[in-house]
Amino acid sequence: MKRVSKKTYLAGLSGAALLAMSAALVVPALTQPNAPRPMPPPAGKVAFGVYDPDGVFAGDPSVRIEHVYIPWQDADLASLTRADTYARQHRRDLLISVEPWSWSPGANVADEQLLHGILAGAYDAQAKAICAESAKLQSPVTIRWAHEMDLRNGRFPWSSWAPEDYVAAYRHFVTICRQQAPQARFMWSPRGEDGLAAYYPGDRYVDQIGLTVLDLQQYDMDHFGHARSFSEALRPAYDRVAGFGKPVVVAELGFHGDTAFSEQWQQDMRTIGDGFPRLTAVVYFNAVEPFAWPDPYGRPDWRMQRGLVN
């Protein structure tokens, strides 16, 4: 994708994009009776989870993981308690993606300043607060910190850091967080790009590995000459992390295309575990993409009950 600076990204965020990001902490509504969607995979070897701010999957007993996002700057810590209550009501584990920045445009420091601040302990209070709050939750908790560090397109400040600097920052966070939340599990979550191994922080700091699979049919046609299946899209990233010997989770899954394409991906979701023995869970990102793709793709709408927005 086209590389843009963090400053350009933050300045260019639309109100809708900011709303999509801020909605990450909203506990889903209890029901969405008129929202059509396909059936998710049955509960079994590969668990099914969702990031689902609209509550489309509220009544689905096969969902076993509830995914939420939180920034560590200006974080609404009470939202974690609300998410925990919701997850327990629906018998789900919690996956908490902690983003080491603010969601407010203009509130973030330069990329290198953020890095040096983390390593110097300037953000320990934010990390401790989120992790201490996580320790109070009754749901099983997995914490995913600074994801997609290998995606070199300027989307996140931490993806501009050298691999050894990211490793040092990740280890620092996990060390601080474990002191507050010793029962939490930790997910290292690259995008899945070539070269991701340089960012691996070591077995002591990783309980699970997360990957991202977002697939737009028209993008496939333009860049690969055909519409890819879930298995084809996942395979390169999975092969890059399988050798670490950790459980693998698709922490963000989204797809959009015509009816035949969507039906095939739905089928893939139900059978994906057969060819990926280390895969333990698939977590669907049921929301509008908060970041614009390169022209002419706009912001894909990954929601199973919607179309595409620009």
C-alpha atoms as a PDB file:
ATOM      1  CA  MET A   1       0.000   0.000   0.000  1.00  0.00           C
ATOM      2  CA  LYS A   2       0.992   3.622  -0.500  1.00  0.00           C
ATOM      3  CA  ARG A   3       3.128   4.859   2.381  1.00  0.00           C
ATOM      4  CA  VAL A   4       1.954   7.940   4.230  1.00  0.00           C
ATOM      5  CA  SER A   5       3.414   9.589   7.320  1.00  0.00           C
ATOM      6  CA  LYS A   6       1.678   9.342  10.664  1.00  0.00           C
ATOM      7  CA  LYS A   7       1.239  13.124  10.616  1.00  0.00           C
ATOM      8  CA  THR A   8      -0.480  12.968   7.233  1.00  0.00           C
ATOM      9  CA  TYR A   9      -2.642  10.077   8.367  1.00  0.00           C
ATOM     10  CA  LEU A  10      -3.816  11.794  11.537  1.00  0.00           C
ATOM     11  CA  ALA A  11      -4.489  15.082   9.765  1.00  0.00           C
ATOM     12  CA  GLY A  12      -6.431  13.297   7.038  1.00  0.00           C
ATOM     13  CA  LEU A  13      -8.715  11.179   9.187  1.00  0.00           C
ATOM     14  CA  SER A  14     -12.343  11.786   8.377  1.00  0.00           C
ATOM     15  CA  GLY A  15     -14.953  12.103  11.082  1.00  0.00           C
ATOM     16  CA  ALA A  16     -16.262   8.686  10.074  1.00  0.00           C
ATOM     17  CA  ALA A  17     -12.828   7.158  10.488  1.00  0.00           C
ATOM     18  CA  LEU A  18     -12.411   8.649  13.927  1.00  0.00           C
ATOM     19  CA  LEU A  19     -15.868   7.407  14.855  1.00  0.00           C
ATOM     20  CA  ALA A  20     -14.903   3.929  13.717  1.00  0.00           C
ATOM     21  CA  MET A  21     -11.817   4.030  15.912  1.00  0.00           C
ATOM     22  CA  SER A  22     -13.616   5.441  18.944  1.00  0.00           C
ATOM     23  CA  ALA A  23     -16.336   2.805  18.575  1.00  0.00           C
ATOM     24  CA  ALA A  24     -13.787   0.137  19.448  1.00  0.00           C
ATOM     25  CA  LEU A  25     -14.568   0.485  23.132  1.00  0.00           C
ATOM     26  CA  VAL A  26     -18.335   0.515  22.822  1.00  0.00           C
ATOM     27  CA  VAL A  27     -19.929  -2.576  24.309  1.00  0.00           C
ATOM     28  CA  PRO A  28     -22.057  -4.086  21.515  1.00  0.00           C
ATOM     29  CA  ALA A  29     -25.789  -3.685  21.493  1.00  0.00           C
ATOM     30  CA  LEU A  30     -27.701  -6.719  22.715  1.00  0.00           C
ATOM     31  CA  THR A  31     -29.401  -7.429  19.414  1.00  0.00           C
ATOM     32  CA  GLN A  32     -29.455  -6.567  15.729  1.00  0.00           C
ATOM     33  CA  PRO A  33     -32.450  -8.606  14.531  1.00  0.00           C
ATOM     34  CA  ASN A  34     -32.547  -7.244  10.979  1.00  0.00           C
ATOM     35  CA  ALA A  35     -28.858  -7.550  10.118  1.00  0.00           C
ATOM     36  CA  PRO A  36     -28.356 -10.465   7.697  1.00  0.00           C
ATOM     37  CA  ARG A  37     -25.099 -12.374   8.024  1.00  0.00           C
ATOM     38  CA  PRO A  38     -23.678 -15.812   7.276  1.00  0.00           C
ATOM     39  CA  MET A  39     -23.342 -18.463   9.931  1.00  0.00           C
ATOM     40  CA  PRO A  40     -19.886 -18.479  11.567  1.00  0.00           C
ATOM     41  CA  PRO A  41     -17.830 -21.629  12.012  1.00  0.00           C
ATOM     42  CA  PRO A  42     -19.121 -24.030  14.651  1.00  0.00           C
ATOM     43  CA  ALA A  43     -17.369 -24.144  17.999  1.00  0.00           C
ATOM     44  CA  GLY A  44     -14.576 -26.684  17.829  1.00  0.00           C
ATOM     45  CA  LYS A  45     -10.860 -26.897  17.264  1.00  0.00           C
ATOM     46  CA  VAL A  46     -10.686 -23.456  15.650  1.00  0.00           C
ATOM     47  CA  ALA A  47     -12.580 -21.027  17.846  1.00  0.00           C
ATOM     48  CA  PHE A  48     -14.558 -18.165  16.317  1.00  0.00           C
ATOM     49  CA  GLY A  49     -14.393 -14.615  17.644  1.00  0.00           C
ATOM     50  CA  VAL A  50     -15.472 -11.116  16.660  1.00  0.00           C
ATOM     51  CA  TYR A  51     -14.714  -7.465  16.943  1.00  0.00           C
ATOM     52  CA  ASP A  52     -18.361  -6.480  16.809  1.00  0.00           C
ATOM     53  CA  PRO A  53     -19.196  -2.951  18.005  1.00  0.00           C
ATOM     54  CA  ASP A  54     -22.717  -3.121  16.523  1.00  0.00           C
ATOM     55  CA  GLY A  55     -23.604  -6.329  18.375  1.00  0.00           C
ATOM     56  CA  VAL A  56     -24.483  -8.291  15.239  1.00  0.00           C
ATOM     57  CA  PHE A  57     -23.208 -11.500  16.844  1.00  0.00           C
ATOM     58  CA  ALA A  58     -24.719 -10.850  20.283  1.00  0.00           C
ATOM     59  CA  GLY A  59     -27.060 -13.818  20.106  1.00  0.00           C
ATOM     60  CA  ASP A  60     -24.605 -16.252  18.535  1.00  0.00           C
ATOM     61  CA  PRO A  61     -23.517 -18.914  21.056  1.00  0.00           C
ATOM     62  CA  SER A  62     -20.685 -20.163  18.835  1.00  0.00           C
ATOM     63  CA  VAL A  63     -18.695 -16.923  19.301  1.00  0.00           C
ATOM     64  CA  ARG A  64     -16.033 -17.640  21.895  1.00  0.00           C
ATOM     65  CA  ILE A  65     -13.806 -14.545  21.745  1.00  0.00           C
ATOM     66  CA  GLU A  66     -14.808 -10.884  22.121  1.00  0.00           C
ATOM     67  CA  HIS A  67     -12.221  -8.500  20.662  1.00  0.00           C
ATOM     68  CA  VAL A  68     -11.913  -4.880  21.836  1.00  0.00           C
ATOM     69  CA  TYR A  69      -9.384  -2.108  21.211  1.00  0.00           C
ATOM     70  CA  ILE A  70      -8.066   0.505  23.615  1.00  0.00           C
ATOM     71  CA  PRO A  71      -5.434   3.255  23.303  1.00  0.00           C
ATOM     72  CA  TRP A  72      -3.190   3.706  26.286  1.00  0.00           C
ATOM     73  CA  GLN A  73      -3.423   7.481  26.061  1.00  0.00           C
ATOM     74  CA  ASP A  74      -6.708   8.912  27.376  1.00  0.00           C
ATOM     75  CA  ALA A  75      -8.051   5.389  27.836  1.00  0.00           C
ATOM     76  CA  ASP A  76     -11.563   4.785  29.147  1.00  0.00           C
ATOM     77  CA  LEU A  77     -10.642   2.056  31.617  1.00  0.00           C
ATOM     78  CA  ALA A  78     -14.249   1.545  32.670  1.00  0.00           C
ATOM     79  CA  SER A  79     -14.939   0.281  29.173  1.00  0.00           C
ATOM     80  CA  LEU A  80     -12.905  -2.826  29.965  1.00  0.00           C
ATOM     81  CA  THR A  81     -15.241  -3.631  32.843  1.00  0.00           C
ATOM     82  CA  ARG A  82     -18.232  -3.187  30.545  1.00  0.00           C
ATOM     83  CA  ALA A  83     -16.604  -5.409  27.930  1.00  0.00           C
ATOM     84  CA  ASP A  84     -15.907  -8.021  30.604  1.00  0.00           C
ATOM     85  CA  THR A  85     -19.543  -8.004  31.711  1.00  0.00           C
ATOM     86  CA  TYR A  86     -20.673  -8.408  28.101  1.00  0.00           C
ATOM     87  CA  ALA A  87     -18.166 -11.202  27.454  1.00  0.00           C
ATOM     88  CA  ARG A  88     -19.205 -13.119  30.564  1.00  0.00           C
ATOM     89  CA  GLN A  89     -22.883 -12.771  29.683  1.00  0.00           C
ATOM     90  CA  HIS A  90     -22.095 -14.373  26.334  1.00  0.00           C
ATOM     91  CA  ARG A  91     -19.524 -16.885  27.650  1.00  0.00           C
ATOM     92  CA  ARG A  92     -16.620 -15.416  25.715  1.00  0.00           C
ATOM     93  CA  ASP A  93     -12.935 -14.799  26.365  1.00  0.00           C
ATOM     94  CA  LEU A  94     -11.549 -11.283  25.902  1.00  0.00           C
ATOM     95  CA  LEU A  95      -8.908 -10.264  23.371  1.00  0.00           C
ATOM     96  CA  ILE A  96      -7.723  -6.728  24.184  1.00  0.00           C
ATOM     97  CA  SER A  97      -5.681  -4.900  21.544  1.00  0.00           C
ATOM     98  CA  VAL A  98      -3.684  -2.164  23.299  1.00  0.00           C
ATOM     99  CA  GLU A  99      -2.511   0.571  20.928  1.00  0.00           C
ATOM    100  CA  PRO A 100       0.371   2.652  22.357  1.00  0.00           C
ATOM    101  CA  TRP A 101      -0.863   6.047  21.199  1.00  0.00           C
ATOM    102  CA  SER A 102      -3.856   8.372  21.399  1.00  0.00           C
ATOM    103  CA  TRP A 103      -6.838   8.233  19.055  1.00  0.00           C
ATOM    104  CA  SER A 104      -7.123  12.030  19.160  1.00  0.00           C
ATOM    105  CA  PRO A 105      -5.506  13.800  16.177  1.00  0.00           C
ATOM    106  CA  GLY A 106      -2.689  16.073  17.271  1.00  0.00           C
ATOM    107  CA  ALA A 107      -2.162  14.292  20.580  1.00  0.00           C
ATOM    108  CA  ASN A 108       0.652  11.975  19.495  1.00  0.00           C
ATOM    109  CA  VAL A 109       4.381  12.535  19.653  1.00  0.00           C
ATOM    110  CA  ALA A 110       6.875  11.742  16.890  1.00  0.00           C
ATOM    111  CA  ASP A 111       7.594   8.076  16.202  1.00  0.00           C
ATOM    112  CA  GLU A 112      11.090   8.073  17.696  1.00  0.00           C
ATOM    113  CA  GLN A 113       9.988  10.141  20.685  1.00  0.00           C
ATOM    114  CA  LEU A 114       7.330   7.531  21.443  1.00  0.00           C
ATOM    115  CA  LEU A 115       9.920   4.766  21.237  1.00  0.00           C
ATOM    116  CA  HIS A 116      12.416   6.502  23.486  1.00  0.00           C
ATOM    117  CA  GLY A 117       9.654   7.366  25.947  1.00  0.00           C
ATOM    118  CA  ILE A 118       8.539   3.746  26.199  1.00  0.00           C
ATOM    119  CA  LEU A 119      12.075   2.487  26.777  1.00  0.00           C
ATOM    120  CA  ALA A 120      12.711   5.222  29.353  1.00  0.00           C
ATOM    121  CA  GLY A 121       9.556   4.317  31.295  1.00  0.00           C
ATOM    122  CA  ALA A 122       7.650   7.488  30.438  1.00  0.00           C
ATOM    123  CA  TYR A 123       4.549   5.456  29.543  1.00  0.00           C
ATOM    124  CA  ASP A 124       4.762   2.883  32.323  1.00  0.00           C
ATOM    125  CA  ALA A 125       1.857   4.500  34.146  1.00  0.00           C
ATOM    126  CA  GLN A 126      -0.430   4.051  31.126  1.00  0.00           C
ATOM    127  CA  ALA A 127       0.643   0.433  30.693  1.00  0.00           C
ATOM    128  CA  LYS A 128       0.206  -0.329  34.387  1.00  0.00           C
ATOM    129  CA  ALA A 129      -3.242   1.243  34.491  1.00  0.00           C
ATOM    130  CA  ILE A 130      -4.592  -0.809  31.581  1.00  0.00           C
ATOM    131  CA  CYS A 131      -2.988  -4.033  32.772  1.00  0.00           C
ATOM    132  CA  ALA A 132      -4.110  -3.535  36.377  1.00  0.00           C
ATOM    133  CA  GLU A 133      -7.658  -2.996  35.133  1.00  0.00           C
ATOM    134  CA  SER A 134      -7.359  -6.120  32.975  1.00  0.00           C
ATOM    135  CA  ALA A 135      -6.326  -8.114  36.032  1.00  0.00           C
ATOM    136  CA  LYS A 136      -9.645  -7.272  37.693  1.00  0.00           C
ATOM    137  CA  LEU A 137     -11.665  -8.800  34.869  1.00  0.00           C
ATOM    138  CA  GLN A 138     -13.297 -12.182  35.321  1.00  0.00           C
ATOM    139  CA  SER A 139     -13.047 -13.277  31.690  1.00  0.00           C
ATOM    140  CA  PRO A 140      -9.886 -14.988  30.448  1.00  0.00           C
ATOM    141  CA  VAL A 141      -7.791 -12.170  28.940  1.00  0.00           C
ATOM    142  CA  THR A 142      -5.292 -12.055  26.090  1.00  0.00           C
ATOM    143  CA  ILE A 143      -3.457  -8.771  25.522  1.00  0.00           C
ATOM    144  CA  ARG A 144      -2.275  -7.843  22.020  1.00  0.00           C
ATOM    145  CA  TRP A 145       0.168  -4.907  22.060  1.00  0.00           C
ATOM    146  CA  ALA A 146       1.276  -2.721  19.138  1.00  0.00           C
ATOM    147  CA  HIS A 147       0.059  -5.005  16.360  1.00  0.00           C
ATOM    148  CA  GLU A 148       1.176  -5.039  12.699  1.00  0.00           C
ATOM    149  CA  MET A 149       4.631  -3.675  13.451  1.00  0.00           C
ATOM    150  CA  ASP A 150       5.854  -5.208  10.175  1.00  0.00           C
ATOM    151  CA  LEU A 151       3.390  -3.269   8.000  1.00  0.00           C
ATOM    152  CA  ARG A 152       5.693  -0.609   6.601  1.00  0.00           C
ATOM    153  CA  ASN A 153       3.116   1.813   5.224  1.00  0.00           C
ATOM    154  CA  GLY A 154       3.136   4.508   7.900  1.00  0.00           C
ATOM    155  CA  ARG A 155      -0.152   3.423   9.429  1.00  0.00           C
ATOM    156  CA  PHE A 156       1.232   3.071  12.939  1.00  0.00           C
ATOM    157  CA  PRO A 157       4.191   4.886  14.535  1.00  0.00           C
ATOM    158  CA  TRP A 158       5.553   1.630  15.956  1.00  0.00           C
ATOM    159  CA  SER A 159       5.796   0.141  12.455  1.00  0.00           C
ATOM    160  CA  SER A 160       8.495   2.721  11.661  1.00  0.00           C
ATOM    161  CA  TRP A 161      10.814   1.441  14.388  1.00  0.00           C
ATOM    162  CA  ALA A 162      13.802  -0.775  13.658  1.00  0.00           C
ATOM    163  CA  PRO A 163      13.055  -4.419  14.528  1.00  0.00           C
ATOM    164  CA  GLU A 164      15.426  -4.465  17.495  1.00  0.00           C
ATOM    165  CA  ASP A 165      13.801  -1.320  18.891  1.00  0.00           C
ATOM    166  CA  TYR A 166      10.322  -2.782  18.532  1.00  0.00           C
ATOM    167  CA  VAL A 167      11.475  -5.956  20.301  1.00  0.00           C
ATOM    168  CA  ALA A 168      12.873  -3.926  23.186  1.00  0.00           C
ATOM    169  CA  ALA A 169       9.641  -1.908  23.487  1.00  0.00           C
ATOM    170  CA  TYR A 170       7.431  -5.009  23.307  1.00  0.00           C
ATOM    171  CA  ARG A 171       9.475  -6.770  25.990  1.00  0.00           C
ATOM    172  CA  HIS A 172       9.313  -3.673  28.177  1.00  0.00           C
ATOM    173  CA  PHE A 173       5.528  -3.567  27.916  1.00  0.00           C
ATOM    174  CA  VAL A 174       5.048  -7.274  28.621  1.00  0.00           C
ATOM    175  CA  THR A 175       7.405  -7.121  31.609  1.00  0.00           C
ATOM    176  CA  ILE A 176       5.479  -4.175  33.088  1.00  0.00           C
ATOM    177  CA  CYS A 177       2.101  -5.706  32.267  1.00  0.00           C
ATOM    178  CA  ARG A 178       2.861  -9.092  33.791  1.00  0.00           C
ATOM    179  CA  GLN A 179       3.557  -7.409  37.114  1.00  0.00           C
ATOM    180  CA  GLN A 180      -0.002  -6.086  37.079  1.00  0.00           C
ATOM    181  CA  ALA A 181      -1.787  -8.936  35.292  1.00  0.00           C
ATOM    182  CA  PRO A 182       0.126 -12.178  35.884  1.00  0.00           C
ATOM    183  CA  GLN A 183      -2.740 -14.322  34.572  1.00  0.00           C
ATOM    184  CA  ALA A 184      -2.985 -12.548  31.213  1.00  0.00           C
ATOM    185  CA  ARG A 185      -1.781 -14.127  28.009  1.00  0.00           C
ATOM    186  CA  PHE A 186       0.174 -12.074  25.487  1.00  0.00           C
ATOM    187  CA  MET A 187      -0.250 -12.050  21.727  1.00  0.00           C
ATOM    188  CA  TRP A 188       2.491 -10.904  19.371  1.00  0.00           C
ATOM    189  CA  SER A 189       0.633  -9.884  16.248  1.00  0.00           C
ATOM    190  CA  PRO A 190       2.479  -9.023  13.021  1.00  0.00           C
ATOM    191  CA  ARG A 191       0.626  -8.286   9.820  1.00  0.00           C
ATOM    192  CA  GLY A 192       2.325 -11.339   8.293  1.00  0.00           C
ATOM    193  CA  GLU A 193       4.806  -9.670   5.940  1.00  0.00           C
ATOM    194  CA  ASP A 194       8.116 -11.066   4.732  1.00  0.00           C
ATOM    195  CA  GLY A 195      10.769 -10.196   7.313  1.00  0.00           C
ATOM    196  CA  LEU A 196       8.446 -10.427  10.322  1.00  0.00           C
ATOM    197  CA  ALA A 197      10.843 -12.795  12.109  1.00  0.00           C
ATOM    198  CA  ALA A 198      13.150  -9.874  12.902  1.00  0.00           C
ATOM    199  CA  TYR A 199      10.416  -8.468  15.161  1.00  0.00           C
ATOM    200  CA  TYR A 200       9.877 -11.668  17.160  1.00  0.00           C
ATOM    201  CA  PRO A 201      10.458 -10.811  20.843  1.00  0.00           C
ATOM    202  CA  GLY A 202      11.236 -14.337  22.014  1.00  0.00           C
ATOM    203  CA  ASP A 203       9.292 -17.264  23.417  1.00  0.00           C
ATOM    204  CA  ARG A 204       9.255 -15.889  26.982  1.00  0.00           C
ATOM    205  CA  TYR A 205       7.186 -12.920  25.842  1.00  0.00           C
ATOM    206  CA  VAL A 206       4.723 -14.613  23.506  1.00  0.00           C
ATOM    207  CA  ASP A 207       1.837 -16.950  24.337  1.00  0.00           C
ATOM    208  CA  GLN A 208       0.050 -16.654  20.990  1.00  0.00           C
ATOM    209  CA  ILE A 209       0.787 -15.238  17.551  1.00  0.00           C
ATOM    210  CA  GLY A 210      -1.832 -13.117  15.806  1.00  0.00           C
ATOM    211  CA  LEU A 211      -2.098 -12.437  12.072  1.00  0.00           C
ATOM    212  CA  THR A 212      -4.228 -10.104   9.954  1.00  0.00           C
ATOM    213  CA  VAL A 213      -6.101 -11.210   6.823  1.00  0.00           C
ATOM    214  CA  LEU A 214      -8.137  -8.481   5.091  1.00  0.00           C
ATOM    215  CA  ASP A 215      -9.128  -9.384   1.557  1.00  0.00           C
ATOM    216  CA  LEU A 216     -10.959  -7.251  -1.002  1.00  0.00           C
ATOM    217  CA  GLN A 217     -12.039  -9.121  -4.123  1.00  0.00           C
ATOM    218  CA  GLN A 218     -11.417  -6.244  -6.513  1.00  0.00           C
ATOM    219  CA  TYR A 219      -7.929  -5.709  -5.073  1.00  0.00           C
ATOM    220  CA  ASP A 220      -7.211  -9.412  -5.660  1.00  0.00           C
ATOM    221  CA  MET A 221      -8.343  -9.168  -9.269  1.00  0.00           C
ATOM    222  CA  ASP A 222      -6.208  -6.098  -9.887  1.00  0.00           C
ATOM    223  CA  HIS A 223      -3.048  -7.386  -8.203  1.00  0.00           C
ATOM    224  CA  PHE A 224      -3.200 -11.188  -8.410  1.00  0.00           C
ATOM    225  CA  GLY A 225      -5.375 -11.719 -11.474  1.00  0.00           C
ATOM    226  CA  HIS A 226      -7.906 -13.818  -9.559  1.00  0.00           C
ATOM    227  CA  ALA A 227      -9.963 -13.786  -6.387  1.00  0.00           C
ATOM    228  CA  ARG A 228      -8.060 -15.495  -3.604  1.00  0.00           C
ATOM    229  CA  SER A 229      -9.492 -17.929  -1.072  1.00  0.00           C
ATOM    230  CA  PHE A 230      -8.999 -17.531   2.670  1.00  0.00           C
ATOM    231  CA  SER A 231      -6.458 -20.348   2.607  1.00  0.00           C
ATOM    232  CA  GLU A 232      -4.462 -18.722  -0.183  1.00  0.00           C
ATOM    233  CA  ALA A 233      -4.455 -15.342   1.566  1.00  0.00           C
ATOM    234  CA  LEU A 234      -3.438 -16.817   4.922  1.00  0.00           C
ATOM    235  CA  ARG A 235      -0.828 -19.326   3.772  1.00  0.00           C
ATOM    236  CA  PRO A 236       2.275 -17.085   3.338  1.00  0.00           C
ATOM    237  CA  ALA A 237       1.885 -15.381   6.720  1.00  0.00           C
ATOM    238  CA  TYR A 238       1.041 -18.633   8.492  1.00  0.00           C
ATOM    239  CA  ASP A 239       4.118 -20.347   7.075  1.00  0.00           C
ATOM    240  CA  ARG A 240       6.273 -17.459   8.300  1.00  0.00           C
ATOM    241  CA  VAL A 241       5.137 -17.864  11.921  1.00  0.00           C
ATOM    242  CA  ALA A 242       4.425 -21.597  12.247  1.00  0.00           C
ATOM    243  CA  GLY A 243       8.066 -22.338  12.995  1.00  0.00           C
ATOM    244  CA  PHE A 244       7.911 -20.393  16.246  1.00  0.00           C
ATOM    245  CA  GLY A 245       5.827 -23.242  17.670  1.00  0.00           C
ATOM    246  CA  LYS A 246       3.133 -21.017  19.191  1.00  0.00           C
ATOM    247  CA  PRO A 247      -0.653 -21.157  18.780  1.00  0.00           C
ATOM    248  CA  VAL A 248      -1.685 -18.996  15.811  1.00  0.00           C
ATOM    249  CA  VAL A 249      -4.789 -16.783  15.707  1.00  0.00           C
ATOM    250  CA  VAL A 250      -6.188 -14.773  12.809  1.00  0.00           C
ATOM    251  CA  ALA A 251      -6.732 -11.772  15.070  1.00  0.00           C
ATOM    252  CA  GLU A 252      -8.319  -9.647  12.349  1.00  0.00           C
ATOM    253  CA  LEU A 253     -10.221 -11.244   9.483  1.00  0.00           C
ATOM    254  CA  GLY A 254     -12.234  -9.262   6.964  1.00  0.00           C
ATOM    255  CA  PHE A 255     -13.401  -9.916   3.421  1.00  0.00           C
ATOM    256  CA  HIS A 256     -15.627  -8.209   0.882  1.00  0.00           C
ATOM    257  CA  GLY A 257     -16.719  -9.153  -2.614  1.00  0.00           C
ATOM    258  CA  ASP A 258     -19.597 -10.445  -4.654  1.00  0.00           C
ATOM    259  CA  THR A 259     -21.951 -13.182  -3.476  1.00  0.00           C
ATOM    260  CA  ALA A 260     -19.886 -16.081  -4.800  1.00  0.00           C
ATOM    261  CA  PHE A 261     -16.685 -14.675  -3.314  1.00  0.00           C
ATOM    262  CA  SER A 262     -18.288 -14.090   0.096  1.00  0.00           C
ATOM    263  CA  GLU A 263     -19.883 -17.531   0.166  1.00  0.00           C
ATOM    264  CA  GLN A 264     -16.533 -19.151  -0.590  1.00  0.00           C
ATOM    265  CA  TRP A 265     -14.824 -17.249   2.224  1.00  0.00           C
ATOM    266  CA  GLN A 266     -17.640 -18.205   4.569  1.00  0.00           C
ATOM    267  CA  GLN A 267     -17.043 -21.836   3.684  1.00  0.00           C
ATOM    268  CA  ASP A 268     -13.309 -21.334   4.158  1.00  0.00           C
ATOM    269  CA  MET A 269     -13.933 -19.998   7.656  1.00  0.00           C
ATOM    270  CA  ARG A 270     -15.742 -23.193   8.556  1.00  0.00           C
ATOM    271  CA  THR A 271     -12.984 -25.491   7.290  1.00  0.00           C
ATOM    272  CA  ILE A 272      -9.791 -23.433   7.553  1.00  0.00           C
ATOM    273  CA  GLY A 273      -8.300 -25.424  10.420  1.00  0.00           C
ATOM    274  CA  ASP A 274      -7.830 -28.553   8.323  1.00  0.00           C
ATOM    275  CA  GLY A 275      -4.752 -27.190   6.537  1.00  0.00           C
ATOM    276  CA  PHE A 276      -3.323 -25.068   9.351  1.00  0.00           C
ATOM    277  CA  PRO A 277      -2.608 -27.285  12.362  1.00  0.00           C
ATOM    278  CA  ARG A 278      -1.354 -24.494  14.636  1.00  0.00           C
ATOM    279  CA  LEU A 279      -4.378 -22.272  13.976  1.00  0.00           C
ATOM    280  CA  THR A 280      -6.527 -22.076  17.110  1.00  0.00           C
ATOM    281  CA  ALA A 281      -8.919 -19.175  16.424  1.00  0.00           C
ATOM    282  CA  VAL A 282     -10.300 -16.848  13.757  1.00  0.00           C
ATOM    283  CA  VAL A 283     -11.528 -13.418  14.908  1.00  0.00           C
ATOM    284  CA  TYR A 284     -13.702 -11.481  12.467  1.00  0.00           C
ATOM    285  CA  PHE A 285     -13.381  -7.675  12.200  1.00  0.00           C
ATOM    286  CA  ASN A 286     -17.050  -6.775  11.761  1.00  0.00           C
ATOM    287  CA  ALA A 287     -16.649  -3.041  11.132  1.00  0.00           C
ATOM    288  CA  VAL A 288     -15.743  -0.474   8.496  1.00  0.00           C
ATOM    289  CA  GLU A 289     -12.009  -0.244   7.828  1.00  0.00           C
ATOM    290  CA  PRO A 290     -10.780   2.895   9.681  1.00  0.00           C
ATOM    291  CA  PHE A 291      -7.826   3.379   7.304  1.00  0.00           C
ATOM    292  CA  ALA A 292      -8.191   4.200   3.618  1.00  0.00           C
ATOM    293  CA  TRP A 293      -6.700   1.752   1.146  1.00  0.00           C
ATOM    294  CA  PRO A 294      -4.866   3.140  -1.906  1.00  0.00           C
ATOM    295  CA  ASP A 295      -7.051   4.628  -4.635  1.00  0.00           C
ATOM    296  CA  PRO A 296      -9.511   3.547  -5.914  1.00  0.00           C
ATOM    297  CA  TYR A 297     -10.491   1.181  -3.090  1.00  0.00           C
ATOM    298  CA  GLY A 298     -11.513   3.658  -0.397  1.00  0.00           C
ATOM    299  CA  ARG A 299     -12.344   2.257   3.017  1.00  0.00           C
ATOM    300  CA  PRO A 300     -13.617  -1.304   2.684  1.00  0.00           C
ATOM    301  CA  ASP A 301     -16.615  -2.228   4.780  1.00  0.00           C
ATOM    302  CA  TRP A 302     -15.844  -5.608   6.315  1.00  0.00           C
ATOM    303  CA  ARG A 303     -19.207  -5.859   8.052  1.00  0.00           C
ATOM    304  CA  MET A 304     -21.015  -8.979   7.009  1.00  0.00           C
ATOM    305  CA  GLN A 305     -24.297  -7.069   6.910  1.00  0.00           C
ATOM    306  CA  ARG A 306     -23.173  -4.111   4.745  1.00  0.00           C
ATOM    307  CA  GLY A 307     -21.664  -3.161   1.403  1.00  0.00           C
ATOM    308  CA  LEU A 308     -18.638  -1.040   0.507  1.00  0.00           C
ATOM    309  CA  VAL A 309     -18.155   2.618   1.432  1.00  0.00           C
ATOM    310  CA  ASN A 310     -15.698   5.103   0.001  1.00  0.00           C
END
